[in-house]
Amino acid sequence: MSELPLAAVDRIIRKATGVRVSEEAAKALAEQLEEMGMTISREASVFAKHANRKTITGADIKLAIKK
C-alpha cells in the first residue's frame, strides 16, 4: 500500500492529461512514484554521507535524479 494520498496522485494525472482517472490507475502511479522516491532517496543518502552530513539536501536529491 502506498503512502501517497490517492487524491493527490489523481490530481497529478488529471493535470497532466485532462482526462478522468480510475482508482486503479492512481494506485498504480502512486506505487511507482513511491518506488522511484525510495531509490532516489537512497542515492541522495549516499551523497550526504560522502559529504559528511546527516541531512539530505535538495542538491543531493537533484544529483541523485541526474544519476
PDB file of N, CA and C in Angstrom:
ATOM      1  N   MET A   1       0.845  -1.185   0.000  1.00  0.00           N
ATOM      2  CA  MET A   1       0.000   0.000   0.000  1.00  0.00           C
ATOM      3  C   MET A   1       0.885   1.241   0.000  1.00  0.00           C
ATOM      4  N   SER A   2       0.545   2.154  -0.838  1.00  0.00           N
ATOM      5  CA  SER A   2       1.326   3.374  -0.984  1.00  0.00           C
ATOM      6  C   SER A   2       1.022   4.355   0.149  1.00  0.00           C
ATOM      7  N   GLU A   3       2.013   5.155   0.477  1.00  0.00           N
ATOM      8  CA  GLU A   3       1.834   6.181   1.496  1.00  0.00           C
ATOM      9  C   GLU A   3       1.388   7.508   0.888  1.00  0.00           C
ATOM     10  N   LEU A   4       1.429   7.603  -0.425  1.00  0.00           N
ATOM     11  CA  LEU A   4       0.993   8.826  -1.087  1.00  0.00           C
ATOM     12  C   LEU A   4      -0.533   8.865  -1.149  1.00  0.00           C
ATOM     13  N   PRO A   5      -1.132  10.022  -0.882  1.00  0.00           N
ATOM     14  CA  PRO A   5      -2.587  10.115  -0.962  1.00  0.00           C
ATOM     15  C   PRO A   5      -3.062   9.963  -2.405  1.00  0.00           C
ATOM     16  N   LEU A   6      -4.062   9.098  -2.596  1.00  0.00           N
ATOM     17  CA  LEU A   6      -4.557   8.845  -3.949  1.00  0.00           C
ATOM     18  C   LEU A   6      -5.164  10.089  -4.578  1.00  0.00           C
ATOM     19  N   ALA A   7      -5.766  10.940  -3.772  1.00  0.00           N
ATOM     20  CA  ALA A   7      -6.361  12.162  -4.318  1.00  0.00           C
ATOM     21  C   ALA A   7      -5.284  13.046  -4.957  1.00  0.00           C
ATOM     22  N   ALA A   8      -4.132  13.129  -4.329  1.00  0.00           N
ATOM     23  CA  ALA A   8      -3.044  13.941  -4.877  1.00  0.00           C
ATOM     24  C   ALA A   8      -2.509  13.335  -6.175  1.00  0.00           C
ATOM     25  N   VAL A   9      -2.378  12.022  -6.195  1.00  0.00           N
ATOM     26  CA  VAL A   9      -1.900  11.340  -7.406  1.00  0.00           C
ATOM     27  C   VAL A   9      -2.927  11.501  -8.522  1.00  0.00           C
ATOM     28  N   ASP A  10      -4.201  11.391  -8.181  1.00  0.00           N
ATOM     29  CA  ASP A  10      -5.277  11.594  -9.146  1.00  0.00           C
ATOM     30  C   ASP A  10      -5.178  12.991  -9.761  1.00  0.00           C
ATOM     31  N   ARG A  11      -4.947  14.014  -8.923  1.00  0.00           N
ATOM     32  CA  ARG A  11      -4.813  15.389  -9.430  1.00  0.00           C
ATOM     33  C   ARG A  11      -3.617  15.533 -10.359  1.00  0.00           C
ATOM     34  N   ILE A  12      -2.516  14.865 -10.034  1.00  0.00           N
ATOM     35  CA  ILE A  12      -1.322  14.927 -10.896  1.00  0.00           C
ATOM     36  C   ILE A  12      -1.646  14.374 -12.275  1.00  0.00           C
ATOM     37  N   ILE A  13      -2.303  13.226 -12.311  1.00  0.00           N
ATOM     38  CA  ILE A  13      -2.639  12.607 -13.601  1.00  0.00           C
ATOM     39  C   ILE A  13      -3.611  13.493 -14.381  1.00  0.00           C
ATOM     40  N   ARG A  14      -4.657  13.986 -13.699  1.00  0.00           N
ATOM     41  CA  ARG A  14      -5.644  14.836 -14.387  1.00  0.00           C
ATOM     42  C   ARG A  14      -5.015  16.124 -14.881  1.00  0.00           C
ATOM     43  N   LYS A  15      -4.101  16.687 -14.103  1.00  0.00           N
ATOM     44  CA  LYS A  15      -3.431  17.927 -14.515  1.00  0.00           C
ATOM     45  C   LYS A  15      -2.566  17.684 -15.753  1.00  0.00           C
ATOM     46  N   ALA A  16      -1.936  16.521 -15.824  1.00  0.00           N
ATOM     47  CA  ALA A  16      -1.054  16.201 -16.949  1.00  0.00           C
ATOM     48  C   ALA A  16      -1.834  15.813 -18.204  1.00  0.00           C
ATOM     49  N   THR A  17      -3.006  15.197 -18.014  1.00  0.00           N
ATOM     50  CA  THR A  17      -3.709  14.640 -19.169  1.00  0.00           C
ATOM     51  C   THR A  17      -5.055  15.294 -19.469  1.00  0.00           C
ATOM     52  N   GLY A  18      -5.731  15.783 -18.443  1.00  0.00           N
ATOM     53  CA  GLY A  18      -7.049  16.369 -18.647  1.00  0.00           C
ATOM     54  C   GLY A  18      -8.167  15.353 -18.796  1.00  0.00           C
ATOM     55  N   VAL A  19      -7.884  14.101 -18.489  1.00  0.00           N
ATOM     56  CA  VAL A  19      -8.909  13.056 -18.616  1.00  0.00           C
ATOM     57  C   VAL A  19      -9.229  12.438 -17.257  1.00  0.00           C
ATOM     58  N   ARG A  20     -10.327  11.697 -17.204  1.00  0.00           N
ATOM     59  CA  ARG A  20     -10.725  11.028 -15.972  1.00  0.00           C
ATOM     60  C   ARG A  20      -9.718   9.943 -15.614  1.00  0.00           C
ATOM     61  N   VAL A  21      -9.625   9.644 -14.317  1.00  0.00           N
ATOM     62  CA  VAL A  21      -8.619   8.706 -13.815  1.00  0.00           C
ATOM     63  C   VAL A  21      -9.305   7.668 -12.931  1.00  0.00           C
ATOM     64  N   SER A  22      -9.026   6.402 -13.188  1.00  0.00           N
ATOM     65  CA  SER A  22      -9.582   5.352 -12.344  1.00  0.00           C
ATOM     66  C   SER A  22      -8.770   5.251 -11.060  1.00  0.00           C
ATOM     67  N   GLU A  23      -9.383   4.699 -10.036  1.00  0.00           N
ATOM     68  CA  GLU A  23      -8.688   4.499  -8.766  1.00  0.00           C
ATOM     69  C   GLU A  23      -7.500   3.560  -8.959  1.00  0.00           C
ATOM     70  N   GLU A  24      -7.685   2.554  -9.815  1.00  0.00           N
ATOM     71  CA  GLU A  24      -6.617   1.600 -10.107  1.00  0.00           C
ATOM     72  C   GLU A  24      -5.405   2.299 -10.719  1.00  0.00           C
ATOM     73  N   ALA A  25      -5.658   3.255 -11.618  1.00  0.00           N
ATOM     74  CA  ALA A  25      -4.563   3.994 -12.253  1.00  0.00           C
ATOM     75  C   ALA A  25      -3.831   4.852 -11.233  1.00  0.00           C
ATOM     76  N   ALA A  26      -4.575   5.501 -10.359  1.00  0.00           N
ATOM     77  CA  ALA A  26      -3.957   6.335  -9.326  1.00  0.00           C
ATOM     78  C   ALA A  26      -3.114   5.482  -8.383  1.00  0.00           C
ATOM     79  N   LYS A  27      -3.631   4.305  -8.023  1.00  0.00           N
ATOM     80  CA  LYS A  27      -2.870   3.404  -7.148  1.00  0.00           C
ATOM     81  C   LYS A  27      -1.586   2.932  -7.823  1.00  0.00           C
ATOM     82  N   ALA A  28      -1.678   2.590  -9.117  1.00  0.00           N
ATOM     83  CA  ALA A  28      -0.508   2.109  -9.845  1.00  0.00           C
ATOM     84  C   ALA A  28       0.570   3.189  -9.919  1.00  0.00           C
ATOM     85  N   LEU A  29       0.161   4.421 -10.227  1.00  0.00           N
ATOM     86  CA  LEU A  29       1.143   5.513 -10.296  1.00  0.00           C
ATOM     87  C   LEU A  29       1.724   5.802  -8.925  1.00  0.00           C
ATOM     88  N   ALA A  30       0.902   5.770  -7.896  1.00  0.00           N
ATOM     89  CA  ALA A  30       1.386   6.034  -6.532  1.00  0.00           C
ATOM     90  C   ALA A  30       2.458   5.020  -6.137  1.00  0.00           C
ATOM     91  N   GLU A  31       2.239   3.760  -6.477  1.00  0.00           N
ATOM     92  CA  GLU A  31       3.230   2.719  -6.164  1.00  0.00           C
ATOM     93  C   GLU A  31       4.541   2.982  -6.886  1.00  0.00           C
ATOM     94  N   GLN A  32       4.449   3.355  -8.170  1.00  0.00           N
ATOM     95  CA  GLN A  32       5.660   3.627  -8.943  1.00  0.00           C
ATOM     96  C   GLN A  32       6.387   4.858  -8.430  1.00  0.00           C
ATOM     97  N   LEU A  33       5.641   5.896  -8.092  1.00  0.00           N
ATOM     98  CA  LEU A  33       6.263   7.115  -7.562  1.00  0.00           C
ATOM     99  C   LEU A  33       6.963   6.837  -6.239  1.00  0.00           C
ATOM    100  N   GLU A  34       6.326   6.030  -5.409  1.00  0.00           N
ATOM    101  CA  GLU A  34       6.940   5.698  -4.126  1.00  0.00           C
ATOM    102  C   GLU A  34       8.220   4.888  -4.335  1.00  0.00           C
ATOM    103  N   GLU A  35       8.187   3.957  -5.264  1.00  0.00           N
ATOM    104  CA  GLU A  35       9.372   3.148  -5.559  1.00  0.00           C
ATOM    105  C   GLU A  35      10.516   4.028  -6.068  1.00  0.00           C
ATOM    106  N   MET A  36      10.185   4.933  -6.990  1.00  0.00           N
ATOM    107  CA  MET A  36      11.202   5.847  -7.525  1.00  0.00           C
ATOM    108  C   MET A  36      11.727   6.758  -6.427  1.00  0.00           C
ATOM    109  N   GLY A  37      10.847   7.230  -5.568  1.00  0.00           N
ATOM    110  CA  GLY A  37      11.243   8.097  -4.464  1.00  0.00           C
ATOM    111  C   GLY A  37      12.198   7.407  -3.511  1.00  0.00           C
ATOM    112  N   MET A  38      11.945   6.134  -3.244  1.00  0.00           N
ATOM    113  CA  MET A  38      12.828   5.368  -2.355  1.00  0.00           C
ATOM    114  C   MET A  38      14.217   5.212  -2.988  1.00  0.00           C
ATOM    115  N   THR A  39      14.252   4.918  -4.270  1.00  0.00           N
ATOM    116  CA  THR A  39      15.526   4.746  -4.976  1.00  0.00           C
ATOM    117  C   THR A  39      16.320   6.052  -4.971  1.00  0.00           C
ATOM    118  N   ILE A  40      15.654   7.139  -5.302  1.00  0.00           N
ATOM    119  CA  ILE A  40      16.315   8.444  -5.321  1.00  0.00           C
ATOM    120  C   ILE A  40      16.798   8.812  -3.923  1.00  0.00           C
ATOM    121  N   SER A  41      15.995   8.546  -2.919  1.00  0.00           N
ATOM    122  CA  SER A  41      16.362   8.876  -1.541  1.00  0.00           C
ATOM    123  C   SER A  41      17.590   8.102  -1.081  1.00  0.00           C
ATOM    124  N   ARG A  42      17.650   6.826  -1.444  1.00  0.00           N
ATOM    125  CA  ARG A  42      18.826   6.017  -1.063  1.00  0.00           C
ATOM    126  C   ARG A  42      20.093   6.592  -1.687  1.00  0.00           C
ATOM    127  N   GLU A  43      19.992   6.962  -2.957  1.00  0.00           N
ATOM    128  CA  GLU A  43      21.153   7.529  -3.660  1.00  0.00           C
ATOM    129  C   GLU A  43      21.532   8.877  -3.050  1.00  0.00           C
ATOM    130  N   ALA A  44      20.552   9.700  -2.725  1.00  0.00           N
ATOM    131  CA  ALA A  44      20.814  11.002  -2.105  1.00  0.00           C
ATOM    132  C   ALA A  44      21.476  10.825  -0.745  1.00  0.00           C
ATOM    133  N   SER A  45      21.098   9.783  -0.035  1.00  0.00           N
ATOM    134  CA  SER A  45      21.704   9.491   1.264  1.00  0.00           C
ATOM    135  C   SER A  45      23.200   9.202   1.117  1.00  0.00           C
ATOM    136  N   VAL A  46      23.559   8.514   0.059  1.00  0.00           N
ATOM    137  CA  VAL A  46      24.976   8.223  -0.209  1.00  0.00           C
ATOM    138  C   VAL A  46      25.738   9.531  -0.423  1.00  0.00           C
ATOM    139  N   PHE A  47      25.146  10.454  -1.174  1.00  0.00           N
ATOM    140  CA  PHE A  47      25.800  11.751  -1.417  1.00  0.00           C
ATOM    141  C   PHE A  47      25.970  12.527  -0.114  1.00  0.00           C
ATOM    142  N   ALA A  48      24.947  12.525   0.733  1.00  0.00           N
ATOM    143  CA  ALA A  48      25.023  13.244   2.008  1.00  0.00           C
ATOM    144  C   ALA A  48      26.099  12.633   2.903  1.00  0.00           C
ATOM    145  N   LYS A  49      26.155  11.308   2.968  1.00  0.00           N
ATOM    146  CA  LYS A  49      27.169  10.643   3.791  1.00  0.00           C
ATOM    147  C   LYS A  49      28.565  10.945   3.273  1.00  0.00           C
ATOM    148  N   HIS A  50      28.721  10.981   1.948  1.00  0.00           N
ATOM    149  CA  HIS A  50      30.017  11.285   1.351  1.00  0.00           C
ATOM    150  C   HIS A  50      30.471  12.695   1.739  1.00  0.00           C
ATOM    151  N   ALA A  51      29.520  13.601   1.894  1.00  0.00           N
ATOM    152  CA  ALA A  51      29.834  14.977   2.282  1.00  0.00           C
ATOM    153  C   ALA A  51      29.882  15.140   3.801  1.00  0.00           C
ATOM    154  N   ASN A  52      29.879  14.031   4.529  1.00  0.00           N
ATOM    155  CA  ASN A  52      29.917  14.035   5.997  1.00  0.00           C
ATOM    156  C   ASN A  52      28.746  14.811   6.610  1.00  0.00           C
ATOM    157  N   ARG A  53      27.568  14.639   6.027  1.00  0.00           N
ATOM    158  CA  ARG A  53      26.367  15.265   6.560  1.00  0.00           C
ATOM    159  C   ARG A  53      25.369  14.194   6.955  1.00  0.00           C
ATOM    160  N   LYS A  54      24.530  14.506   7.934  1.00  0.00           N
ATOM    161  CA  LYS A  54      23.457  13.605   8.330  1.00  0.00           C
ATOM    162  C   LYS A  54      22.132  14.013   7.695  1.00  0.00           C
ATOM    163  N   THR A  55      22.136  15.175   7.046  1.00  0.00           N
ATOM    164  CA  THR A  55      20.926  15.713   6.440  1.00  0.00           C
ATOM    165  C   THR A  55      21.017  15.647   4.927  1.00  0.00           C
ATOM    166  N   ILE A  56      19.975  15.114   4.307  1.00  0.00           N
ATOM    167  CA  ILE A  56      19.888  15.093   2.849  1.00  0.00           C
ATOM    168  C   ILE A  56      19.362  16.452   2.404  1.00  0.00           C
ATOM    169  N   THR A  57      20.046  17.072   1.464  1.00  0.00           N
ATOM    170  CA  THR A  57      19.638  18.389   0.967  1.00  0.00           C
ATOM    171  C   THR A  57      18.953  18.254  -0.392  1.00  0.00           C
ATOM    172  N   GLY A  58      18.376  19.347  -0.824  1.00  0.00           N
ATOM    173  CA  GLY A  58      17.760  19.380  -2.146  1.00  0.00           C
ATOM    174  C   GLY A  58      18.783  19.099  -3.241  1.00  0.00           C
ATOM    175  N   ALA A  59      19.999  19.570  -3.034  1.00  0.00           N
ATOM    176  CA  ALA A  59      21.065  19.332  -4.015  1.00  0.00           C
ATOM    177  C   ALA A  59      21.378  17.837  -4.124  1.00  0.00           C
ATOM    178  N   ASP A  60      21.324  17.133  -2.990  1.00  0.00           N
ATOM    179  CA  ASP A  60      21.558  15.684  -3.014  1.00  0.00           C
ATOM    180  C   ASP A  60      20.475  14.981  -3.836  1.00  0.00           C
ATOM    181  N   ILE A  61      19.242  15.400  -3.641  1.00  0.00           N
ATOM    182  CA  ILE A  61      18.128  14.816  -4.400  1.00  0.00           C
ATOM    183  C   ILE A  61      18.292  15.084  -5.890  1.00  0.00           C
ATOM    184  N   LYS A  62      18.642  16.320  -6.226  1.00  0.00           N
ATOM    185  CA  LYS A  62      18.827  16.669  -7.646  1.00  0.00           C
ATOM    186  C   LYS A  62      19.963  15.878  -8.273  1.00  0.00           C
ATOM    187  N   LEU A  63      21.063  15.699  -7.533  1.00  0.00           N
ATOM    188  CA  LEU A  63      22.170  14.888  -8.040  1.00  0.00           C
ATOM    189  C   LEU A  63      21.742  13.435  -8.239  1.00  0.00           C
ATOM    190  N   ALA A  64      20.983  12.907  -7.306  1.00  0.00           N
ATOM    191  CA  ALA A  64      20.519  11.522  -7.394  1.00  0.00           C
ATOM    192  C   ALA A  64      19.606  11.335  -8.611  1.00  0.00           C
ATOM    193  N   ILE A  65      18.784  12.327  -8.886  1.00  0.00           N
ATOM    194  CA  ILE A  65      17.890  12.239 -10.043  1.00  0.00           C
ATOM    195  C   ILE A  65      18.705  12.252 -11.342  1.00  0.00           C
ATOM    196  N   LYS A  66      19.737  13.094 -11.399  1.00  0.00           N
ATOM    197  CA  LYS A  66      20.580  13.171 -12.593  1.00  0.00           C
ATOM    198  C   LYS A  66      21.306  11.868 -12.851  1.00  0.00           C
ATOM    199  N   LYS A  67      21.721  11.217 -11.757  1.00  0.00           N
ATOM    200  CA  LYS A  67      22.465   9.972 -11.885  1.00  0.00           C
ATOM    201  C   LYS A  67      21.534   8.903 -12.359  1.00  0.00           C
TER     202      LYS A  67
END
